[in-house]
């Protein structure tokens, strides 16, 4: 009888632990789903606002200027070239070499001026 009681208590203890762990896992998944739902609702609102603006001429012109690089009559489109860090490093090393040789040549010429 004692063995049966020990087995029953052990089974109930393991079942309680399993249920508790399952509960907290589901609770965390629910919290994550709530956060994702809130984010998606915000995105949905932004998209709805963008759709509402899509019929306005000013908004269409703004998008055309930003994405398609278009301009109104009399306006000038200016393009900027973005330089990567590698290009900057190469350019600075070339400039330092040029400066070194320029300085060396200038010093060499100074010898003959005296």
N, C-alpha and C. Protein backbone atom coordinates (compact mmCIF):
# COMPACT_ATOMS: atom_id res chain seq x y z
N UNK A 1 0.82 -1.20 0.00
CA UNK A 1 0.00 0.00 0.00
C UNK A 1 0.86 1.26 0.00
N UNK A 2 1.95 1.22 0.77
CA UNK A 2 2.84 2.38 0.84
C UNK A 2 3.50 2.62 -0.53
N UNK A 3 3.89 1.55 -1.21
CA UNK A 3 4.52 1.68 -2.51
C UNK A 3 3.56 2.33 -3.51
N UNK A 4 2.31 1.91 -3.48
CA UNK A 4 1.30 2.50 -4.37
C UNK A 4 1.12 3.98 -4.06
N UNK A 5 1.11 4.33 -2.79
CA UNK A 5 0.96 5.74 -2.38
C UNK A 5 2.17 6.56 -2.82
N UNK A 6 3.38 6.01 -2.69
CA UNK A 6 4.60 6.72 -3.11
C UNK A 6 4.58 6.93 -4.63
N UNK A 7 4.21 5.91 -5.37
CA UNK A 7 4.14 6.02 -6.82
C UNK A 7 3.11 7.07 -7.22
N UNK A 8 1.96 7.07 -6.56
CA UNK A 8 0.91 8.04 -6.86
C UNK A 8 1.35 9.47 -6.56
N UNK A 9 2.00 9.68 -5.44
CA UNK A 9 2.48 11.02 -5.05
C UNK A 9 3.58 11.47 -6.04
N UNK A 10 4.47 10.58 -6.41
CA UNK A 10 5.53 10.91 -7.36
C UNK A 10 4.94 11.29 -8.71
N UNK A 11 3.98 10.49 -9.17
CA UNK A 11 3.31 10.79 -10.44
C UNK A 11 2.64 12.15 -10.39
N UNK A 12 1.95 12.45 -9.32
CA UNK A 12 1.26 13.73 -9.19
C UNK A 12 2.27 14.89 -9.14
N UNK A 13 3.41 14.68 -8.49
CA UNK A 13 4.44 15.72 -8.41
C UNK A 13 5.00 16.01 -9.81
N UNK A 14 5.33 14.96 -10.57
CA UNK A 14 5.84 15.16 -11.93
C UNK A 14 4.78 15.80 -12.82
N UNK A 15 3.56 15.40 -12.66
CA UNK A 15 2.48 15.96 -13.47
C UNK A 15 2.28 17.45 -13.16
N UNK A 16 2.41 17.81 -11.89
CA UNK A 16 2.29 19.21 -11.47
C UNK A 16 3.42 20.04 -12.06
N UNK A 17 4.63 19.51 -12.00
CA UNK A 17 5.79 20.23 -12.55
C UNK A 17 5.63 20.40 -14.06
N UNK A 18 5.23 19.34 -14.75
CA UNK A 18 5.04 19.39 -16.20
C UNK A 18 3.97 20.42 -16.57
N UNK A 19 2.88 20.43 -15.84
CA UNK A 19 1.79 21.37 -16.12
C UNK A 19 2.23 22.81 -15.87
N UNK A 20 3.01 23.03 -14.82
CA UNK A 20 3.50 24.37 -14.51
C UNK A 20 4.43 24.88 -15.60
N UNK A 21 5.35 24.03 -16.04
CA UNK A 21 6.28 24.42 -17.11
C UNK A 21 5.50 24.71 -18.39
N UNK A 22 4.54 23.88 -18.72
CA UNK A 22 3.71 24.08 -19.90
C UNK A 22 2.94 25.40 -19.81
N UNK A 23 2.41 25.70 -18.63
CA UNK A 23 1.67 26.94 -18.41
C UNK A 23 2.55 28.15 -18.68
N UNK A 24 3.77 28.15 -18.14
CA UNK A 24 4.65 29.31 -18.32
C UNK A 24 5.12 29.42 -19.78
N UNK A 25 5.34 28.31 -20.46
CA UNK A 25 5.69 28.36 -21.88
C UNK A 25 4.56 28.99 -22.69
N UNK A 26 3.34 28.55 -22.43
CA UNK A 26 2.19 29.10 -23.14
C UNK A 26 2.01 30.58 -22.80
N UNK A 27 2.26 30.95 -21.56
CA UNK A 27 2.14 32.35 -21.15
C UNK A 27 3.16 33.22 -21.89
N UNK A 28 4.38 32.73 -22.04
CA UNK A 28 5.41 33.47 -22.78
C UNK A 28 5.04 33.58 -24.26
N UNK A 29 4.56 32.51 -24.85
CA UNK A 29 4.13 32.54 -26.24
C UNK A 29 2.99 33.54 -26.44
N UNK A 30 2.08 33.59 -25.49
CA UNK A 30 0.96 34.53 -25.57
C UNK A 30 1.46 35.97 -25.50
N UNK A 31 2.42 36.24 -24.61
CA UNK A 31 2.98 37.59 -24.50
C UNK A 31 3.68 37.99 -25.80
N UNK A 32 4.43 37.05 -26.38
CA UNK A 32 5.10 37.33 -27.65
C UNK A 32 4.08 37.60 -28.76
N UNK A 33 3.03 36.81 -28.78
CA UNK A 33 2.00 37.00 -29.79
C UNK A 33 1.30 38.35 -29.61
N UNK A 34 1.09 38.77 -28.38
CA UNK A 34 0.48 40.08 -28.11
C UNK A 34 1.37 41.20 -28.62
N UNK A 35 2.69 41.10 -28.38
CA UNK A 35 3.62 42.12 -28.86
C UNK A 35 3.63 42.16 -30.39
N UNK A 36 3.64 41.00 -31.00
CA UNK A 36 3.64 40.94 -32.46
C UNK A 36 2.34 41.52 -33.01
N UNK A 37 1.23 41.23 -32.36
CA UNK A 37 -0.07 41.77 -32.78
C UNK A 37 -0.08 43.29 -32.68
N UNK A 38 0.46 43.83 -31.58
CA UNK A 38 0.51 45.28 -31.42
C UNK A 38 1.37 45.91 -32.52
N UNK A 39 2.51 45.29 -32.81
CA UNK A 39 3.38 45.81 -33.87
C UNK A 39 2.67 45.78 -35.22
N UNK A 40 2.00 44.67 -35.51
CA UNK A 40 1.31 44.55 -36.79
C UNK A 40 0.14 45.52 -36.90
N UNK A 41 -0.52 45.80 -35.78
CA UNK A 41 -1.59 46.80 -35.80
C UNK A 41 -1.04 48.18 -36.13
N UNK A 42 0.11 48.52 -35.54
CA UNK A 42 0.74 49.81 -35.84
C UNK A 42 1.11 49.89 -37.32
N UNK A 43 1.70 48.82 -37.83
CA UNK A 43 2.06 48.79 -39.24
C UNK A 43 0.82 48.92 -40.12
N UNK A 44 -0.24 48.27 -39.72
CA UNK A 44 -1.49 48.33 -40.47
C UNK A 44 -2.02 49.76 -40.51
N UNK A 45 -1.94 50.46 -39.39
CA UNK A 45 -2.39 51.85 -39.34
C UNK A 45 -1.54 52.73 -40.25
N UNK A 46 -0.23 52.50 -40.24
CA UNK A 46 0.66 53.29 -41.10
C UNK A 46 0.31 53.06 -42.57
N UNK A 47 0.06 51.81 -42.91
CA UNK A 47 -0.27 51.49 -44.31
C UNK A 47 -1.61 52.10 -44.69
N UNK A 48 -2.59 52.08 -43.76
CA UNK A 48 -3.89 52.70 -44.05
C UNK A 48 -3.73 54.20 -44.28
N UNK A 49 -2.90 54.86 -43.47
CA UNK A 49 -2.65 56.29 -43.65
C UNK A 49 -1.97 56.56 -44.99
N UNK A 50 -1.03 55.70 -45.35
CA UNK A 50 -0.34 55.87 -46.63
C UNK A 50 -1.30 55.68 -47.80
N UNK A 51 -2.22 54.74 -47.67
CA UNK A 51 -3.22 54.52 -48.72
C UNK A 51 -4.13 55.74 -48.84
N UNK A 52 -4.51 56.31 -47.68
CA UNK A 52 -5.36 57.49 -47.71
C UNK A 52 -4.63 58.67 -48.36
N UNK A 53 -3.32 58.77 -48.15
CA UNK A 53 -2.54 59.86 -48.74
C UNK A 53 -2.26 59.64 -50.22
N UNK A 54 -2.37 58.41 -50.67
CA UNK A 54 -1.99 58.07 -52.05
C UNK A 54 -2.84 58.81 -53.08
N UNK A 55 -4.01 59.25 -52.71
CA UNK A 55 -4.87 59.97 -53.65
C UNK A 55 -4.53 61.46 -53.74
N UNK A 56 -3.72 61.96 -52.83
CA UNK A 56 -3.38 63.38 -52.82
C UNK A 56 -2.20 63.65 -53.76
N UNK A 57 -2.31 64.70 -54.51
CA UNK A 57 -1.29 65.05 -55.51
C UNK A 57 0.05 65.36 -54.86
N UNK A 58 0.04 66.06 -53.73
CA UNK A 58 1.28 66.43 -53.06
C UNK A 58 2.06 65.19 -52.62
N UNK A 59 1.35 64.20 -52.11
CA UNK A 59 2.00 62.97 -51.65
C UNK A 59 2.61 62.22 -52.84
N UNK A 60 1.90 62.19 -53.95
CA UNK A 60 2.41 61.51 -55.15
C UNK A 60 3.69 62.21 -55.64
N UNK A 61 3.69 63.53 -55.62
CA UNK A 61 4.88 64.28 -56.02
C UNK A 61 6.05 64.01 -55.08
N UNK A 62 5.77 63.94 -53.78
CA UNK A 62 6.83 63.67 -52.79
C UNK A 62 7.45 62.31 -53.04
N UNK A 63 6.63 61.30 -53.25
CA UNK A 63 7.14 59.95 -53.50
C UNK A 63 7.93 59.92 -54.81
N UNK A 64 7.45 60.62 -55.83
CA UNK A 64 8.16 60.66 -57.11
C UNK A 64 9.52 61.33 -56.96
N UNK A 65 9.59 62.36 -56.16
CA UNK A 65 10.87 63.05 -55.93
C UNK A 65 11.85 62.15 -55.17
N UNK A 66 11.37 61.52 -54.11
CA UNK A 66 12.26 60.74 -53.25
C UNK A 66 12.69 59.43 -53.90
N UNK A 67 11.78 58.71 -54.50
CA UNK A 67 12.09 57.37 -54.99
C UNK A 67 12.52 57.33 -56.45
N UNK A 68 11.97 58.22 -57.27
CA UNK A 68 12.25 58.17 -58.69
C UNK A 68 13.20 59.27 -59.16
N UNK A 69 13.62 60.14 -58.23
CA UNK A 69 14.51 61.25 -58.54
C UNK A 69 13.95 62.16 -59.64
N UNK A 70 12.66 62.40 -59.59
CA UNK A 70 12.02 63.30 -60.55
C UNK A 70 11.96 64.71 -59.96
N UNK A 71 11.77 65.68 -60.82
CA UNK A 71 11.70 67.07 -60.37
C UNK A 71 10.64 67.80 -61.18
N UNK A 72 10.13 68.86 -60.57
CA UNK A 72 9.20 69.71 -61.29
C UNK A 72 9.97 70.55 -62.30
N UNK A 73 9.23 71.19 -63.17
CA UNK A 73 9.85 72.07 -64.16
C UNK A 73 10.53 73.22 -63.44
N UNK A 74 11.78 73.46 -63.78
CA UNK A 74 12.53 74.54 -63.15
C UNK A 74 13.35 74.09 -61.95
N UNK A 75 13.15 72.88 -61.47
CA UNK A 75 13.93 72.36 -60.35
C UNK A 75 15.11 71.56 -60.88
N UNK A 76 16.12 71.44 -60.05
CA UNK A 76 17.31 70.68 -60.41
C UNK A 76 17.46 69.51 -59.44
N UNK A 77 17.71 68.34 -59.98
CA UNK A 77 17.95 67.16 -59.15
C UNK A 77 19.43 67.06 -58.88
N UNK A 78 19.80 66.92 -57.60
CA UNK A 78 21.19 66.82 -57.20
C UNK A 78 21.43 65.41 -56.68
N UNK A 79 22.46 64.75 -57.19
CA UNK A 79 22.81 63.40 -56.77
C UNK A 79 24.06 63.46 -55.89
N UNK A 80 24.08 62.66 -54.84
CA UNK A 80 25.23 62.57 -53.96
C UNK A 80 25.81 61.17 -54.07
N UNK A 81 27.13 61.10 -54.17
CA UNK A 81 27.79 59.79 -54.21
C UNK A 81 28.25 59.47 -52.80
N UNK A 82 27.81 58.33 -52.30
CA UNK A 82 28.21 57.90 -50.97
C UNK A 82 29.52 57.14 -51.09
N UNK A 83 30.48 57.52 -50.29
CA UNK A 83 31.79 56.89 -50.33
C UNK A 83 31.87 55.89 -49.18
N UNK A 84 32.28 54.68 -49.52
CA UNK A 84 32.42 53.65 -48.49
C UNK A 84 33.70 53.89 -47.71
N UNK A 85 33.82 53.22 -46.58
CA UNK A 85 35.01 53.38 -45.75
C UNK A 85 36.26 52.87 -46.46
N UNK A 86 36.10 51.81 -47.25
CA UNK A 86 37.24 51.27 -47.98
C UNK A 86 37.77 52.28 -48.99
N UNK A 87 36.85 52.95 -49.71
CA UNK A 87 37.27 53.95 -50.68
C UNK A 87 37.96 55.11 -49.97
N UNK A 88 37.47 55.49 -48.81
CA UNK A 88 38.07 56.57 -48.04
C UNK A 88 39.47 56.20 -47.59
N UNK A 89 39.65 54.95 -47.15
CA UNK A 89 40.98 54.50 -46.71
C UNK A 89 41.96 54.48 -47.88
N UNK A 90 41.51 53.98 -49.05
CA UNK A 90 42.38 53.95 -50.22
C UNK A 90 42.77 55.36 -50.63
N UNK A 91 41.79 56.27 -50.61
CA UNK A 91 42.04 57.64 -51.01
C UNK A 91 43.02 58.31 -50.05
N UNK A 92 42.85 58.09 -48.75
CA UNK A 92 43.74 58.71 -47.78
C UNK A 92 45.16 58.15 -47.89
N UNK A 93 45.29 56.84 -48.18
CA UNK A 93 46.63 56.26 -48.35
C UNK A 93 47.29 56.82 -49.60
N UNK A 94 46.52 57.03 -50.68
CA UNK A 94 47.07 57.61 -51.90
C UNK A 94 47.49 59.05 -51.65
N UNK A 95 46.66 59.79 -50.89
CA UNK A 95 47.00 61.18 -50.58
C UNK A 95 48.25 61.26 -49.71
N UNK A 96 48.39 60.34 -48.78
CA UNK A 96 49.57 60.37 -47.92
C UNK A 96 50.82 60.05 -48.72
N UNK A 97 50.72 59.13 -49.71
CA UNK A 97 51.85 58.84 -50.58
C UNK A 97 52.20 60.07 -51.43
N UNK A 98 51.18 60.73 -51.97
CA UNK A 98 51.40 61.93 -52.76
C UNK A 98 52.06 63.01 -51.91
N UNK A 99 51.56 63.18 -50.68
CA UNK A 99 52.13 64.19 -49.79
C UNK A 99 53.57 63.85 -49.44
N UNK A 100 53.87 62.59 -49.26
CA UNK A 100 55.23 62.18 -48.93
C UNK A 100 56.17 62.54 -50.07
N UNK A 101 55.78 62.16 -51.30
CA UNK A 101 56.64 62.45 -52.44
C UNK A 101 56.73 63.94 -52.72
N UNK A 102 55.65 64.66 -52.52
CA UNK A 102 55.67 66.11 -52.72
C UNK A 102 56.62 66.75 -51.72
N UNK A 103 56.52 66.33 -50.48
CA UNK A 103 57.40 66.87 -49.44
C UNK A 103 58.86 66.52 -49.75
N UNK A 104 59.10 65.29 -50.17
CA UNK A 104 60.45 64.86 -50.50
C UNK A 104 61.01 65.68 -51.66
N UNK A 105 60.20 65.87 -52.69
CA UNK A 105 60.63 66.66 -53.85
C UNK A 105 60.86 68.11 -53.46
N UNK A 106 59.97 68.68 -52.65
CA UNK A 106 60.16 70.06 -52.19
C UNK A 106 61.45 70.21 -51.40
N UNK A 107 61.74 69.25 -50.55
CA UNK A 107 62.99 69.30 -49.77
C UNK A 107 64.20 69.15 -50.68
N UNK A 108 64.08 68.32 -51.70
CA UNK A 108 65.17 68.14 -52.66
C UNK A 108 65.43 69.44 -53.41
N UNK A 109 64.36 70.14 -53.78
CA UNK A 109 64.52 71.43 -54.47
C UNK A 109 65.12 72.48 -53.56
N UNK A 110 64.82 72.42 -52.29
CA UNK A 110 65.38 73.38 -51.32
C UNK A 110 66.90 73.26 -51.26
N UNK A 111 67.41 72.06 -51.49
CA UNK A 111 68.87 71.87 -51.45
C UNK A 111 69.56 72.70 -52.55
N UNK A 112 68.90 72.79 -53.70
CA UNK A 112 69.50 73.50 -54.81
C UNK A 112 69.26 75.00 -54.77
N UNK A 113 68.30 75.45 -53.99
CA UNK A 113 68.04 76.87 -53.88
C UNK A 113 69.08 77.56 -53.04
N UNK A 114 69.73 76.91 -52.16
CA UNK A 114 70.70 77.54 -51.26
C UNK A 114 71.97 77.78 -51.93
